[in-house]
Amino acid sequence: MTKRDEIPQGLVFEVHELPLADLRAWAAARGVEVDYAGPSLEGRMMYAAVSGRQMRVTRTATLDPRRTPILWHSPLCSPGRERERW
């Protein structure tokens, strides 16, 4: 993952939401891992995979058992925060 301030100006970082099965297939095709990204604003679990400047995410239908922090940060804006392999 690249910190926001390290991304050179003019580059595009592409993000798309996929169903979980498609996210796993996308990650496998690129040889990258699917990681827990954090809770969504609604408290659902989010998983993501990153390959170069492309990110694919999925939100689960179930609520994240971890408590949603009082001050919520988007897992897409802070990808290095609390990650676990899935």
N, C-alpha and C. Protein backbone atom coordinates (compact mmCIF):
# COMPACT_ATOMS: atom_id res chain seq x y z
N MET A 1 0.84 -1.18 0.00
CA MET A 1 0.00 0.00 0.00
C MET A 1 0.88 1.25 0.00
N THR A 2 0.40 2.26 -0.66
CA THR A 2 1.13 3.51 -0.76
C THR A 2 0.41 4.57 0.04
N LYS A 3 1.16 5.31 0.85
CA LYS A 3 0.55 6.40 1.59
C LYS A 3 0.11 7.49 0.62
N ARG A 4 -0.96 8.14 0.96
CA ARG A 4 -1.56 9.14 0.08
C ARG A 4 -0.54 10.19 -0.37
N ASP A 5 0.31 10.67 0.55
CA ASP A 5 1.26 11.72 0.20
C ASP A 5 2.42 11.20 -0.64
N GLU A 6 2.56 9.87 -0.79
CA GLU A 6 3.63 9.30 -1.61
C GLU A 6 3.18 9.04 -3.05
N ILE A 7 1.89 9.21 -3.37
CA ILE A 7 1.39 8.99 -4.72
C ILE A 7 1.74 10.21 -5.56
N PRO A 8 2.53 10.02 -6.63
CA PRO A 8 2.87 11.16 -7.48
C PRO A 8 1.63 11.80 -8.09
N GLN A 9 1.68 13.10 -8.28
CA GLN A 9 0.57 13.83 -8.88
C GLN A 9 0.30 13.29 -10.28
N GLY A 10 -0.97 13.23 -10.67
CA GLY A 10 -1.34 12.80 -12.00
C GLY A 10 -1.63 11.33 -12.13
N LEU A 11 -1.36 10.53 -11.11
CA LEU A 11 -1.65 9.11 -11.18
C LEU A 11 -3.06 8.85 -10.69
N VAL A 12 -3.69 7.86 -11.28
CA VAL A 12 -5.06 7.49 -10.90
C VAL A 12 -5.01 6.23 -10.07
N PHE A 13 -5.72 6.22 -8.97
CA PHE A 13 -5.86 5.02 -8.14
C PHE A 13 -7.29 4.54 -8.32
N GLU A 14 -7.46 3.39 -8.93
CA GLU A 14 -8.77 2.88 -9.33
C GLU A 14 -9.34 1.96 -8.25
N VAL A 15 -10.57 2.24 -7.81
CA VAL A 15 -11.24 1.43 -6.78
C VAL A 15 -12.59 0.97 -7.31
N HIS A 16 -12.86 -0.33 -7.18
CA HIS A 16 -14.15 -0.89 -7.59
C HIS A 16 -14.64 -1.84 -6.51
N GLU A 17 -15.95 -1.88 -6.32
CA GLU A 17 -16.54 -2.84 -5.39
C GLU A 17 -17.01 -4.07 -6.16
N LEU A 18 -16.68 -5.24 -5.64
CA LEU A 18 -17.03 -6.51 -6.26
C LEU A 18 -17.71 -7.42 -5.26
N PRO A 19 -18.46 -8.42 -5.73
CA PRO A 19 -18.92 -9.48 -4.83
C PRO A 19 -17.70 -10.25 -4.31
N LEU A 20 -17.84 -10.88 -3.16
CA LEU A 20 -16.72 -11.56 -2.51
C LEU A 20 -16.05 -12.59 -3.42
N ALA A 21 -16.82 -13.41 -4.11
CA ALA A 21 -16.24 -14.44 -4.99
C ALA A 21 -15.41 -13.80 -6.10
N ASP A 22 -15.89 -12.70 -6.65
CA ASP A 22 -15.15 -12.00 -7.70
C ASP A 22 -13.89 -11.35 -7.15
N LEU A 23 -13.96 -10.84 -5.92
CA LEU A 23 -12.77 -10.25 -5.29
C LEU A 23 -11.70 -11.31 -5.11
N ARG A 24 -12.08 -12.48 -4.63
CA ARG A 24 -11.11 -13.57 -4.46
C ARG A 24 -10.50 -13.97 -5.79
N ALA A 25 -11.31 -14.08 -6.85
CA ALA A 25 -10.81 -14.46 -8.17
C ALA A 25 -9.87 -13.38 -8.72
N TRP A 26 -10.23 -12.12 -8.55
CA TRP A 26 -9.41 -11.01 -9.02
C TRP A 26 -8.06 -11.04 -8.32
N ALA A 27 -8.07 -11.23 -7.01
CA ALA A 27 -6.82 -11.27 -6.24
C ALA A 27 -5.97 -12.48 -6.65
N ALA A 28 -6.58 -13.64 -6.80
CA ALA A 28 -5.83 -14.84 -7.18
C ALA A 28 -5.19 -14.68 -8.56
N ALA A 29 -5.89 -14.06 -9.49
CA ALA A 29 -5.36 -13.86 -10.83
C ALA A 29 -4.14 -12.94 -10.84
N ARG A 30 -4.03 -12.08 -9.84
CA ARG A 30 -2.92 -11.14 -9.77
C ARG A 30 -1.88 -11.53 -8.73
N GLY A 31 -2.13 -12.63 -8.02
CA GLY A 31 -1.17 -13.10 -7.02
C GLY A 31 -1.08 -12.21 -5.80
N VAL A 32 -2.19 -11.57 -5.43
CA VAL A 32 -2.21 -10.72 -4.24
C VAL A 32 -3.18 -11.30 -3.22
N GLU A 33 -3.09 -10.84 -1.99
CA GLU A 33 -3.93 -11.34 -0.91
C GLU A 33 -5.17 -10.48 -0.71
N VAL A 34 -6.21 -11.10 -0.21
CA VAL A 34 -7.40 -10.38 0.22
C VAL A 34 -7.23 -10.13 1.71
N ASP A 35 -7.28 -8.87 2.12
CA ASP A 35 -7.06 -8.48 3.51
C ASP A 35 -8.30 -7.83 4.11
N TYR A 36 -8.43 -7.96 5.42
CA TYR A 36 -9.46 -7.24 6.15
C TYR A 36 -9.07 -5.77 6.13
N ALA A 37 -9.97 -4.90 5.67
CA ALA A 37 -9.66 -3.48 5.55
C ALA A 37 -10.20 -2.66 6.73
N GLY A 38 -11.21 -3.18 7.43
CA GLY A 38 -11.80 -2.45 8.54
C GLY A 38 -13.30 -2.39 8.39
N PRO A 39 -13.97 -1.79 9.36
CA PRO A 39 -15.43 -1.70 9.26
C PRO A 39 -15.84 -0.56 8.33
N SER A 40 -16.97 -0.77 7.66
CA SER A 40 -17.55 0.32 6.87
C SER A 40 -18.23 1.29 7.84
N LEU A 41 -18.70 2.38 7.34
CA LEU A 41 -19.40 3.36 8.18
C LEU A 41 -20.65 2.73 8.80
N GLU A 42 -21.25 1.77 8.08
CA GLU A 42 -22.44 1.07 8.58
C GLU A 42 -22.09 -0.06 9.54
N GLY A 43 -20.79 -0.31 9.75
CA GLY A 43 -20.38 -1.36 10.68
C GLY A 43 -20.20 -2.72 10.03
N ARG A 44 -20.27 -2.80 8.71
CA ARG A 44 -20.08 -4.07 8.03
C ARG A 44 -18.59 -4.30 7.77
N MET A 45 -18.18 -5.58 7.71
CA MET A 45 -16.78 -5.90 7.45
C MET A 45 -16.45 -5.58 6.00
N MET A 46 -15.27 -5.01 5.80
CA MET A 46 -14.78 -4.71 4.45
C MET A 46 -13.48 -5.45 4.22
N TYR A 47 -13.36 -6.04 3.04
CA TYR A 47 -12.14 -6.71 2.63
C TYR A 47 -11.66 -6.08 1.35
N ALA A 48 -10.34 -6.07 1.14
CA ALA A 48 -9.76 -5.42 -0.04
C ALA A 48 -8.56 -6.18 -0.54
N ALA A 49 -8.28 -6.00 -1.82
CA ALA A 49 -7.08 -6.51 -2.46
C ALA A 49 -6.53 -5.38 -3.33
N VAL A 50 -5.20 -5.25 -3.33
CA VAL A 50 -4.55 -4.17 -4.08
C VAL A 50 -3.51 -4.77 -5.01
N SER A 51 -3.53 -4.31 -6.25
CA SER A 51 -2.52 -4.69 -7.23
C SER A 51 -2.12 -3.43 -7.97
N GLY A 52 -0.92 -2.96 -7.73
CA GLY A 52 -0.47 -1.71 -8.35
C GLY A 52 -1.35 -0.56 -7.92
N ARG A 53 -1.94 0.14 -8.89
CA ARG A 53 -2.81 1.27 -8.57
C ARG A 53 -4.28 0.88 -8.65
N GLN A 54 -4.56 -0.41 -8.52
CA GLN A 54 -5.95 -0.89 -8.55
C GLN A 54 -6.30 -1.51 -7.21
N MET A 55 -7.48 -1.19 -6.71
CA MET A 55 -7.99 -1.77 -5.47
C MET A 55 -9.39 -2.29 -5.74
N ARG A 56 -9.66 -3.48 -5.24
CA ARG A 56 -11.00 -4.05 -5.31
C ARG A 56 -11.45 -4.32 -3.88
N VAL A 57 -12.70 -3.98 -3.57
CA VAL A 57 -13.22 -4.12 -2.22
C VAL A 57 -14.55 -4.85 -2.24
N THR A 58 -14.90 -5.39 -1.09
CA THR A 58 -16.23 -5.96 -0.89
C THR A 58 -16.67 -5.63 0.52
N ARG A 59 -17.97 -5.43 0.69
CA ARG A 59 -18.57 -5.24 2.02
C ARG A 59 -19.43 -6.46 2.29
N THR A 60 -19.27 -7.05 3.46
CA THR A 60 -20.08 -8.22 3.80
C THR A 60 -21.46 -7.78 4.26
N ALA A 61 -22.39 -8.70 4.23
CA ALA A 61 -23.75 -8.42 4.69
C ALA A 61 -23.82 -8.46 6.21
N THR A 62 -22.87 -9.14 6.84
CA THR A 62 -22.88 -9.27 8.30
C THR A 62 -22.15 -8.11 8.95
N LEU A 63 -22.54 -7.82 10.16
CA LEU A 63 -21.89 -6.76 10.92
C LEU A 63 -20.53 -7.23 11.42
N ASP A 64 -19.60 -6.31 11.48
CA ASP A 64 -18.26 -6.58 11.98
C ASP A 64 -18.34 -6.78 13.49
N PRO A 65 -17.82 -7.89 14.03
CA PRO A 65 -17.89 -8.10 15.47
C PRO A 65 -17.01 -7.12 16.26
N ARG A 66 -16.05 -6.50 15.58
CA ARG A 66 -15.22 -5.50 16.25
C ARG A 66 -16.04 -4.23 16.42
N ARG A 67 -15.80 -3.51 17.45
CA ARG A 67 -16.54 -2.28 17.68
C ARG A 67 -16.12 -1.22 16.68
N THR A 68 -17.08 -0.51 16.12
CA THR A 68 -16.77 0.60 15.24
C THR A 68 -16.24 1.74 16.09
N PRO A 69 -15.08 2.29 15.73
CA PRO A 69 -14.51 3.36 16.55
C PRO A 69 -15.40 4.59 16.59
N ILE A 70 -15.27 5.34 17.67
CA ILE A 70 -16.07 6.57 17.81
C ILE A 70 -15.71 7.54 16.69
N LEU A 71 -14.42 7.65 16.39
CA LEU A 71 -13.97 8.47 15.27
C LEU A 71 -13.65 7.52 14.14
N TRP A 72 -14.54 7.45 13.15
CA TRP A 72 -14.41 6.49 12.06
C TRP A 72 -13.51 7.04 10.97
N HIS A 73 -12.62 6.17 10.44
CA HIS A 73 -11.77 6.50 9.31
C HIS A 73 -12.07 5.51 8.21
N SER A 74 -12.22 5.96 6.99
CA SER A 74 -12.47 5.07 5.86
C SER A 74 -11.30 4.12 5.68
N PRO A 75 -11.56 2.80 5.57
CA PRO A 75 -10.45 1.88 5.34
C PRO A 75 -9.80 2.10 3.98
N LEU A 76 -10.48 2.79 3.07
CA LEU A 76 -9.89 3.08 1.77
C LEU A 76 -8.91 4.24 1.83
N CYS A 77 -9.06 5.12 2.82
CA CYS A 77 -8.16 6.26 2.96
C CYS A 77 -6.99 5.96 3.87
N SER A 78 -7.09 4.93 4.68
CA SER A 78 -6.00 4.56 5.58
C SER A 78 -5.75 3.06 5.49
N PRO A 79 -5.29 2.56 4.31
CA PRO A 79 -5.20 1.12 4.09
C PRO A 79 -4.17 0.39 4.94
N GLY A 80 -3.21 1.08 5.53
CA GLY A 80 -2.21 0.40 6.35
C GLY A 80 -2.68 0.13 7.77
N ARG A 81 -3.85 0.65 8.11
CA ARG A 81 -4.40 0.54 9.46
C ARG A 81 -5.05 -0.83 9.66
N GLU A 82 -4.80 -1.46 10.75
CA GLU A 82 -5.43 -2.71 11.18
C GLU A 82 -5.79 -3.63 10.02
N ARG A 83 -4.83 -4.43 9.59
CA ARG A 83 -5.06 -5.36 8.48
C ARG A 83 -4.80 -6.78 8.96
N GLU A 84 -5.55 -7.69 8.49
CA GLU A 84 -5.32 -9.09 8.78
C GLU A 84 -5.59 -9.91 7.54
N ARG A 85 -4.84 -10.97 7.40
CA ARG A 85 -5.00 -11.83 6.22
C ARG A 85 -6.31 -12.59 6.33
N TRP A 86 -6.99 -12.77 5.21
CA TRP A 86 -8.27 -13.49 5.21
C TRP A 86 -8.18 -14.71 4.39
